[in-house]
Every structure is written in C-alpha cells, then in structure tokens.
C-alpha atoms as a PDB file:
ATOM      1  CA  MET A   1       0.000   0.000   0.000  1.00  0.00           C
ATOM      2  CA  LEU A   2       2.899   2.361   0.721  1.00  0.00           C
ATOM      3  CA  PHE A   3       4.152   1.797  -2.817  1.00  0.00           C
ATOM      4  CA  TRP A   4       0.883   3.109  -4.247  1.00  0.00           C
ATOM      5  CA  PHE A   5       0.929   6.104  -1.912  1.00  0.00           C
ATOM      6  CA  VAL A   6       4.447   7.054  -3.060  1.00  0.00           C
ATOM      7  CA  TYR A   7       3.425   6.497  -6.670  1.00  0.00           C
ATOM      8  CA  PHE A   8       0.367   8.721  -6.179  1.00  0.00           C
ATOM      9  CA  VAL A   9       2.470  11.503  -4.576  1.00  0.00           C
ATOM     10  CA  CYS A  10       4.883  11.378  -7.511  1.00  0.00           C
ATOM     11  CA  LEU A  11       1.962  11.596  -9.928  1.00  0.00           C
ATOM     12  CA  VAL A  12       0.529  14.638  -8.120  1.00  0.00           C
ATOM     13  CA  PHE A  13       3.959  16.288  -8.213  1.00  0.00           C
ATOM     14  CA  PHE A  14       4.174  15.521 -11.929  1.00  0.00           C
ATOM     15  CA  LEU A  15       0.711  17.046 -12.504  1.00  0.00           C
ATOM     16  CA  MET A  16       1.642  20.203 -10.613  1.00  0.00           C
ATOM     17  CA  ALA A  17       4.872  20.529 -12.584  1.00  0.00           C
ATOM     18  CA  TRP A  18       2.980  20.076 -15.834  1.00  0.00           C
ATOM     19  CA  PHE A  19       0.376  22.661 -14.847  1.00  0.00           C
ATOM     20  CA  PHE A  20       2.859  25.321 -13.742  1.00  0.00           C
ATOM     21  CA  PHE A  21       5.557  24.841 -16.355  1.00  0.00           C
ATOM     22  CA  CYS A  22       3.576  23.733 -19.396  1.00  0.00           C
ATOM     23  CA  ARG A  23       2.611  27.231 -20.457  1.00  0.00           C
ATOM     24  CA  ASN A  24       6.301  28.129 -20.832  1.00  0.00           C
ATOM     25  CA  LEU A  25       7.166  25.038 -22.888  1.00  0.00           C
ATOM     26  CA  ASP A  26       7.037  24.498 -26.599  1.00  0.00           C
ATOM     27  CA  MET A  27       4.326  22.227 -28.018  1.00  0.00           C
ATOM     28  CA  GLU A  28       6.607  19.171 -28.341  1.00  0.00           C
ATOM     29  CA  ALA A  29       7.537  19.207 -24.639  1.00  0.00           C
ATOM     30  CA  ALA A  30       3.919  19.783 -23.608  1.00  0.00           C
ATOM     31  CA  ASN A  31       2.790  16.824 -25.746  1.00  0.00           C
ATOM     32  CA  PHE A  32       5.477  14.626 -24.168  1.00  0.00           C
ATOM     33  CA  LEU A  33       4.323  15.604 -20.670  1.00  0.00           C
ATOM     34  CA  TRP A  34       0.665  14.938 -21.576  1.00  0.00           C
ATOM     35  CA  PHE A  35       1.595  11.527 -23.055  1.00  0.00           C
ATOM     36  CA  SER A  36       3.593  10.645 -19.898  1.00  0.00           C
ATOM     37  CA  LEU A  37       0.722  11.716 -17.676  1.00  0.00           C
ATOM     38  CA  LYS A  38      -1.776   9.525 -19.548  1.00  0.00           C
ATOM     39  CA  LYS A  39       0.574   6.514 -19.359  1.00  0.00           C
ATOM     40  CA  SER A  40       1.100   7.084 -15.620  1.00  0.00           C
ATOM     41  CA  ILE A  41      -2.627   7.178 -14.964  1.00  0.00           C
ATOM     42  CA  MET A  42      -3.100   3.991 -16.986  1.00  0.00           C
ATOM     43  CA  GLY A  43      -0.242   2.378 -15.037  1.00  0.00           C
ATOM     44  CA  ILE A  44      -1.838   3.297 -11.720  1.00  0.00           C
ATOM     45  CA  MET A  45      -5.226   1.932 -12.792  1.00  0.00           C
ATOM     46  CA  PHE A  46      -3.634  -1.293 -14.042  1.00  0.00           C
ATOM     47  CA  GLY A  47      -1.506  -1.627 -10.895  1.00  0.00           C
ATOM     48  CA  LEU A  48      -4.469  -1.087  -8.578  1.00  0.00           C
ATOM     49  CA  THR A  49      -6.467  -3.716 -10.478  1.00  0.00           C
ATOM     50  CA  ILE A  50      -3.612  -6.231 -10.226  1.00  0.00           C
ATOM     51  CA  SER A  51      -3.078  -5.392  -6.547  1.00  0.00           C
ATOM     52  CA  ASP A  52      -6.755  -5.691  -5.697  1.00  0.00           C
ATOM     53  CA  LYS A  53      -7.558  -8.869  -7.648  1.00  0.00           C
ATOM     54  CA  PHE A  54      -4.422 -10.945  -8.188  1.00  0.00           C
ATOM     55  CA  PHE A  55      -1.253 -10.036  -6.255  1.00  0.00           C
ATOM     56  CA  THR A  56      -0.176  -7.483  -3.697  1.00  0.00           C
ATOM     57  CA  VAL A  57       2.834  -6.844  -1.473  1.00  0.00           C
ATOM     58  CA  TYR A  58       2.703  -6.816   2.305  1.00  0.00           C
ATOM     59  CA  SER A  59       5.227  -5.641   4.879  1.00  0.00           C
ATOM     60  CA  VAL A  60       5.447  -8.118   7.766  1.00  0.00           C
ATOM     61  CA  THR A  61       5.360  -6.507  11.211  1.00  0.00           C
ATOM     62  CA  GLY A  62       5.514  -8.106  14.631  1.00  0.00           C
ATOM     63  CA  SER A  63       7.335 -11.223  15.774  1.00  0.00           C
ATOM     64  CA  SER A  64       4.558 -13.831  15.610  1.00  0.00           C
ATOM     65  CA  MET A  65       5.954 -15.429  12.426  1.00  0.00           C
ATOM     66  CA  HIS A  66       9.609 -15.498  13.484  1.00  0.00           C
ATOM     67  CA  PRO A  67      11.800 -17.249  12.225  1.00  0.00           C
ATOM     68  CA  THR A  68       9.875 -17.561   8.930  1.00  0.00           C
ATOM     69  CA  PHE A  69       9.806 -13.770   8.556  1.00  0.00           C
ATOM     70  CA  THR A  70      12.012 -11.068  10.000  1.00  0.00           C
ATOM     71  CA  THR A  71      10.122  -8.096  11.315  1.00  0.00           C
ATOM     72  CA  SER A  72      10.085  -4.350  11.031  1.00  0.00           C
ATOM     73  CA  ASN A  73       8.413  -1.669  13.058  1.00  0.00           C
ATOM     74  CA  GLY A  74       6.416  -0.549  10.031  1.00  0.00           C
ATOM     75  CA  SER A  75       7.569   3.073  10.000  1.00  0.00           C
ATOM     76  CA  PHE A  76       9.189   4.792   7.017  1.00  0.00           C
ATOM     77  CA  PRO A  77      11.967   4.094   6.008  1.00  0.00           C
ATOM     78  CA  ALA A  78      12.379   1.248   8.497  1.00  0.00           C
ATOM     79  CA  PHE A  79       9.732  -0.763   6.626  1.00  0.00           C
ATOM     80  CA  LEU A  80      12.538  -1.951   4.357  1.00  0.00           C
ATOM     81  CA  LYS A  81      14.333  -3.607   7.301  1.00  0.00           C
ATOM     82  CA  GLY A  82      11.777  -6.394   7.644  1.00  0.00           C
ATOM     83  CA  ASP A  83      10.461  -8.864   5.104  1.00  0.00           C
ATOM     84  CA  ILE A  84       8.206  -7.710   2.317  1.00  0.00           C
ATOM     85  CA  VAL A  85       6.177 -10.583   0.915  1.00  0.00           C
ATOM     86  CA  LEU A  86       4.166 -11.271  -2.209  1.00  0.00           C
ATOM     87  CA  VAL A  87       0.546 -12.205  -1.485  1.00  0.00           C
ATOM     88  CA  GLU A  88      -1.528 -14.114  -4.013  1.00  0.00           C
ATOM     89  CA  ARG A  89      -5.098 -12.849  -3.818  1.00  0.00           C
ATOM     90  CA  PHE A  90      -6.608 -15.307  -6.317  1.00  0.00           C
ATOM     91  CA  TRP A  91      -6.413 -18.293  -3.956  1.00  0.00           C
ATOM     92  CA  ASP A  92      -9.865 -19.900  -4.205  1.00  0.00           C
ATOM     93  CA  ASP A  93      -9.627 -23.636  -3.471  1.00  0.00           C
ATOM     94  CA  LYS A  94      -5.818 -23.448  -3.361  1.00  0.00           C
ATOM     95  CA  LEU A  95      -5.371 -23.310   0.410  1.00  0.00           C
ATOM     96  CA  SER A  96      -3.553 -26.249   1.981  1.00  0.00           C
ATOM     97  CA  HIS A  97      -2.398 -27.224   5.443  1.00  0.00           C
ATOM     98  CA  GLY A  98       0.802 -25.345   6.280  1.00  0.00           C
ATOM     99  CA  ASP A  99       0.247 -22.382   3.928  1.00  0.00           C
ATOM    100  CA  VAL A 100       0.989 -18.884   5.217  1.00  0.00           C
ATOM    101  CA  ILE A 101      -2.037 -16.629   4.756  1.00  0.00           C
ATOM    102  CA  THR A 102      -3.085 -13.038   5.385  1.00  0.00           C
ATOM    103  CA  PHE A 103      -6.486 -12.342   6.903  1.00  0.00           C
ATOM    104  CA  LYS A 104      -8.510  -9.604   8.532  1.00  0.00           C
ATOM    105  CA  SER A 105      -8.637  -9.798  12.321  1.00  0.00           C
ATOM    106  CA  PRO A 106     -11.929 -11.283  13.531  1.00  0.00           C
ATOM    107  CA  THR A 107     -12.017  -8.729  16.357  1.00  0.00           C
ATOM    108  CA  ASP A 108     -10.784  -5.588  14.504  1.00  0.00           C
ATOM    109  CA  HIS A 109     -11.304  -5.548  10.729  1.00  0.00           C
ATOM    110  CA  LYS A 110      -8.822  -2.660  10.346  1.00  0.00           C
ATOM    111  CA  LYS A 111      -5.961  -5.021  11.270  1.00  0.00           C
ATOM    112  CA  GLU A 112      -4.532  -7.665   8.973  1.00  0.00           C
ATOM    113  CA  PHE A 113      -2.537 -10.646  10.238  1.00  0.00           C
ATOM    114  CA  VAL A 114      -0.065 -13.081   8.696  1.00  0.00           C
ATOM    115  CA  LYS A 115      -0.268 -16.607  10.144  1.00  0.00           C
ATOM    116  CA  ARG A 116       0.190 -20.257   9.197  1.00  0.00           C
ATOM    117  CA  LEU A 117      -2.879 -22.285   8.238  1.00  0.00           C
ATOM    118  CA  ILE A 118      -3.082 -25.285  10.591  1.00  0.00           C
ATOM    119  CA  ALA A 119      -6.513 -26.817   9.962  1.00  0.00           C
ATOM    120  CA  LEU A 120      -9.182 -26.536   7.262  1.00  0.00           C
ATOM    121  CA  PRO A 121     -12.984 -26.942   7.457  1.00  0.00           C
ATOM    122  CA  GLY A 122     -14.061 -30.375   8.662  1.00  0.00           C
ATOM    123  CA  ASP A 123     -10.674 -31.244  10.231  1.00  0.00           C
ATOM    124  CA  TRP A 124     -10.430 -32.496  13.797  1.00  0.00           C
ATOM    125  CA  MET A 125      -7.629 -30.802  15.706  1.00  0.00           C
ATOM    126  CA  GLN A 126      -5.969 -31.162  19.078  1.00  0.00           C
ATOM    127  CA  CYS A 127      -5.703 -27.771  20.745  1.00  0.00           C
ATOM    128  CA  PRO A 128      -2.157 -26.735  21.714  1.00  0.00           C
ATOM    129  CA  ASN A 129      -1.128 -27.509  25.313  1.00  0.00           C
ATOM    130  CA  SER A 130      -4.371 -29.399  25.840  1.00  0.00           C
ATOM    131  CA  HIS A 131      -5.967 -32.777  25.309  1.00  0.00           C
ATOM    132  CA  ASP A 132      -9.120 -31.192  23.852  1.00  0.00           C
ATOM    133  CA  ILE A 133      -9.980 -32.135  20.286  1.00  0.00           C
ATOM    134  CA  VAL A 134     -12.206 -29.748  18.341  1.00  0.00           C
ATOM    135  CA  LYS A 135     -13.803 -29.948  14.923  1.00  0.00           C
ATOM    136  CA  ILE A 136     -13.205 -26.991  12.628  1.00  0.00           C
ATOM    137  CA  PRO A 137     -16.636 -25.810  11.423  1.00  0.00           C
ATOM    138  CA  GLU A 138     -17.481 -25.538   7.734  1.00  0.00           C
ATOM    139  CA  GLY A 139     -16.398 -22.212   6.289  1.00  0.00           C
ATOM    140  CA  HIS A 140     -13.694 -21.726   8.951  1.00  0.00           C
ATOM    141  CA  CYS A 141      -9.989 -22.471   9.449  1.00  0.00           C
ATOM    142  CA  TRP A 142      -7.477 -22.575  12.313  1.00  0.00           C
ATOM    143  CA  VAL A 143      -4.366 -20.347  12.145  1.00  0.00           C
ATOM    144  CA  GLU A 144      -1.320 -19.991  14.390  1.00  0.00           C
ATOM    145  CA  GLY A 145       1.887 -17.989  14.315  1.00  0.00           C
ATOM    146  CA  ASP A 146       5.210 -19.799  14.003  1.00  0.00           C
ATOM    147  CA  ASN A 147       6.408 -18.023  17.165  1.00  0.00           C
ATOM    148  CA  ARG A 148       3.570 -19.199  19.398  1.00  0.00           C
ATOM    149  CA  SER A 149       4.841 -17.394  22.494  1.00  0.00           C
ATOM    150  CA  SER A 150       4.093 -13.991  20.921  1.00  0.00           C
ATOM    151  CA  SER A 151       1.234 -14.728  18.550  1.00  0.00           C
ATOM    152  CA  LEU A 152      -2.378 -13.589  18.659  1.00  0.00           C
ATOM    153  CA  ASP A 153      -4.087 -16.330  16.681  1.00  0.00           C
ATOM    154  CA  SER A 154      -6.853 -18.956  16.740  1.00  0.00           C
ATOM    155  CA  ARG A 155      -5.781 -20.046  20.215  1.00  0.00           C
ATOM    156  CA  HIS A 156      -7.178 -16.663  21.354  1.00  0.00           C
ATOM    157  CA  PHE A 157     -10.108 -16.022  19.009  1.00  0.00           C
ATOM    158  CA  GLY A 158     -10.970 -19.522  17.762  1.00  0.00           C
ATOM    159  CA  PRO A 159     -11.412 -20.664  14.168  1.00  0.00           C
ATOM    160  CA  ILE A 160     -11.629 -17.776  11.697  1.00  0.00           C
ATOM    161  CA  PRO A 161     -14.152 -17.510   8.867  1.00  0.00           C
ATOM    162  CA  LEU A 162     -12.656 -18.188   5.428  1.00  0.00           C
ATOM    163  CA  GLY A 163     -14.322 -14.958   4.307  1.00  0.00           C
ATOM    164  CA  LEU A 164     -11.695 -13.016   6.279  1.00  0.00           C
ATOM    165  CA  VAL A 165      -8.798 -14.598   4.362  1.00  0.00           C
ATOM    166  CA  ARG A 166      -7.237 -11.987   2.056  1.00  0.00           C
ATOM    167  CA  GLY A 167      -4.602 -14.099   0.337  1.00  0.00           C
ATOM    168  CA  ARG A 168      -1.805 -16.649   0.443  1.00  0.00           C
ATOM    169  CA  VAL A 169       1.804 -15.568   0.989  1.00  0.00           C
ATOM    170  CA  THR A 170       3.911 -17.096  -1.772  1.00  0.00           C
ATOM    171  CA  HIS A 171       7.344 -15.393  -1.755  1.00  0.00           C
ATOM    172  CA  ILE A 172       9.626 -13.153   0.260  1.00  0.00           C
ATOM    173  CA  ILE A 173      10.639 -10.380  -2.159  1.00  0.00           C
ATOM    174  CA  TRP A 174      12.645  -8.105   0.168  1.00  0.00           C
ATOM    175  CA  PRO A 175      15.384  -8.025   1.388  1.00  0.00           C
ATOM    176  CA  LEU A 176      17.095  -9.391  -1.683  1.00  0.00           C
ATOM    177  CA  LYS A 177      19.357 -11.715   0.322  1.00  0.00           C
ATOM    178  CA  ARG A 178      16.237 -13.466   1.715  1.00  0.00           C
ATOM    179  CA  MET A 179      14.307 -13.566  -1.570  1.00  0.00           C
ATOM    180  CA  SER A 180      12.748 -17.017  -1.725  1.00  0.00           C
ATOM    181  CA  LYS A 181       9.557 -19.018  -1.906  1.00  0.00           C
ATOM    182  CA  VAL A 182       7.651 -19.339   1.380  1.00  0.00           C
ATOM    183  CA  GLU A 183       7.688 -22.987   2.362  1.00  0.00           C
ATOM    184  CA  ARG A 184       4.600 -24.874   3.443  1.00  0.00           C
ATOM    185  CA  LYS A 185       5.111 -26.385   6.929  1.00  0.00           C
ATOM    186  CA  VAL A 186       2.474 -28.852   8.037  1.00  0.00           C
ATOM    187  CA  VAL A 187       1.950 -29.288  11.783  1.00  0.00           C
ATOM    188  CA  MET A 188       2.195 -33.016  12.484  1.00  0.00           C
ATOM    189  CA  ASN A 189       0.296 -35.102  15.069  1.00  0.00           C
ATOM    190  CA  ARG A 190      -2.347 -32.430  15.848  1.00  0.00           C
ATOM    191  CA  VAL A 191      -4.641 -32.393  12.829  1.00  0.00           C
ATOM    192  CA  TYR A 192      -6.829 -35.315  11.854  1.00  0.00           C
ATOM    193  CA  ARG A 193      -8.335 -34.956   8.391  1.00  0.00           C
ATOM    194  CA  THR A 194     -11.751 -36.350   7.631  1.00  0.00           C
END
C-alpha cells in the first residue's frame, strides 16, 4: 500500500509541474508531458487492479511469524528492514495445510494478520497444550503464528471464517538476500483430516 501512496504523490507532483511549467514550454515538450501523464494514470489503474484482484505486497510486522519472517516496526523508512512478501489474492480452493495466509482480524477488521494455516474446514484438531480435540466448522480455518509465544491467533479467538482470508503468501521479495519461496510447513500429530 505504501508503494501506491508514493506512486500517487509522484503523480501529483508531476501534474503540478505540468500545470505550472507547461505554459512556458514548446508544443513538443507539452505533448510529451501529456503523453507521460496519460501513461502514468493507466499504469496506476492497471496496478491497482492487479493489486486488488491478483497479487499485492505486504510488509510483515511483529514477531509472531519469526523465524519464517524477520520483522520491522512498520515506519518509514524502516519498513525496508523487515520482510516484504508477495501475497496471491486469487487463492480460491488453493489453500492447503501449512500455507501462510493473510487475513482480517476477527475482532478488529482494520488489522490484517499473517499466520500459518493449521486446519481446514471439517478437520479435527488437538488444541495446543491441551488434550481437547475440536472440529473446525465448515467455512472456517485454524491459524497460528510460528512463534507461538508472541502470537495472537486462533488459540485466542478460535477458528476464523474463510471470508476473512485476504490471500496466500507465496514469496519473500525483500530483502534481496532473503528472496525465496515461502515454504509450506504442516503441523504433524495435531490435525486429523476427515
């Protein structure tokens, strides 16, 4: 989202420069600026469509997914210190045990979390640090952070509705030295599939 904000600010700056300086330019330079402006607007529209429907980038904050992801504090320019991941939005029927997903918080829809998918609808699952076995209801899933000691996840708010899932994390794209595919890690001996 920060990328699009920076892109928008640059576009506004470009528009202001075109407005204030265009009257002093010859026709060839003015045509070039107008052509560049139209291409930029088309690029923004195309990028927003791609970001909204297919892929987007996400800056990982917090320590709940350590060691899978390194963290940042989310402030500019420190957001580049943590992992930036690629999120596949077109995930229908592609979710599997062990995938890393992003989802809206069930208690505060302004927050978005990144957690590992532990159980899918219809699975029977043993709750962590307990002998209780629960069935995941249809239309829901169970998620947990890799760093369970500092993770707010399904152990606190229960199974989450699949409607809150925003996408599946597929790759780490920043920093360059950590660029890689995000591995699927299945939790063994706790989930019983039906």
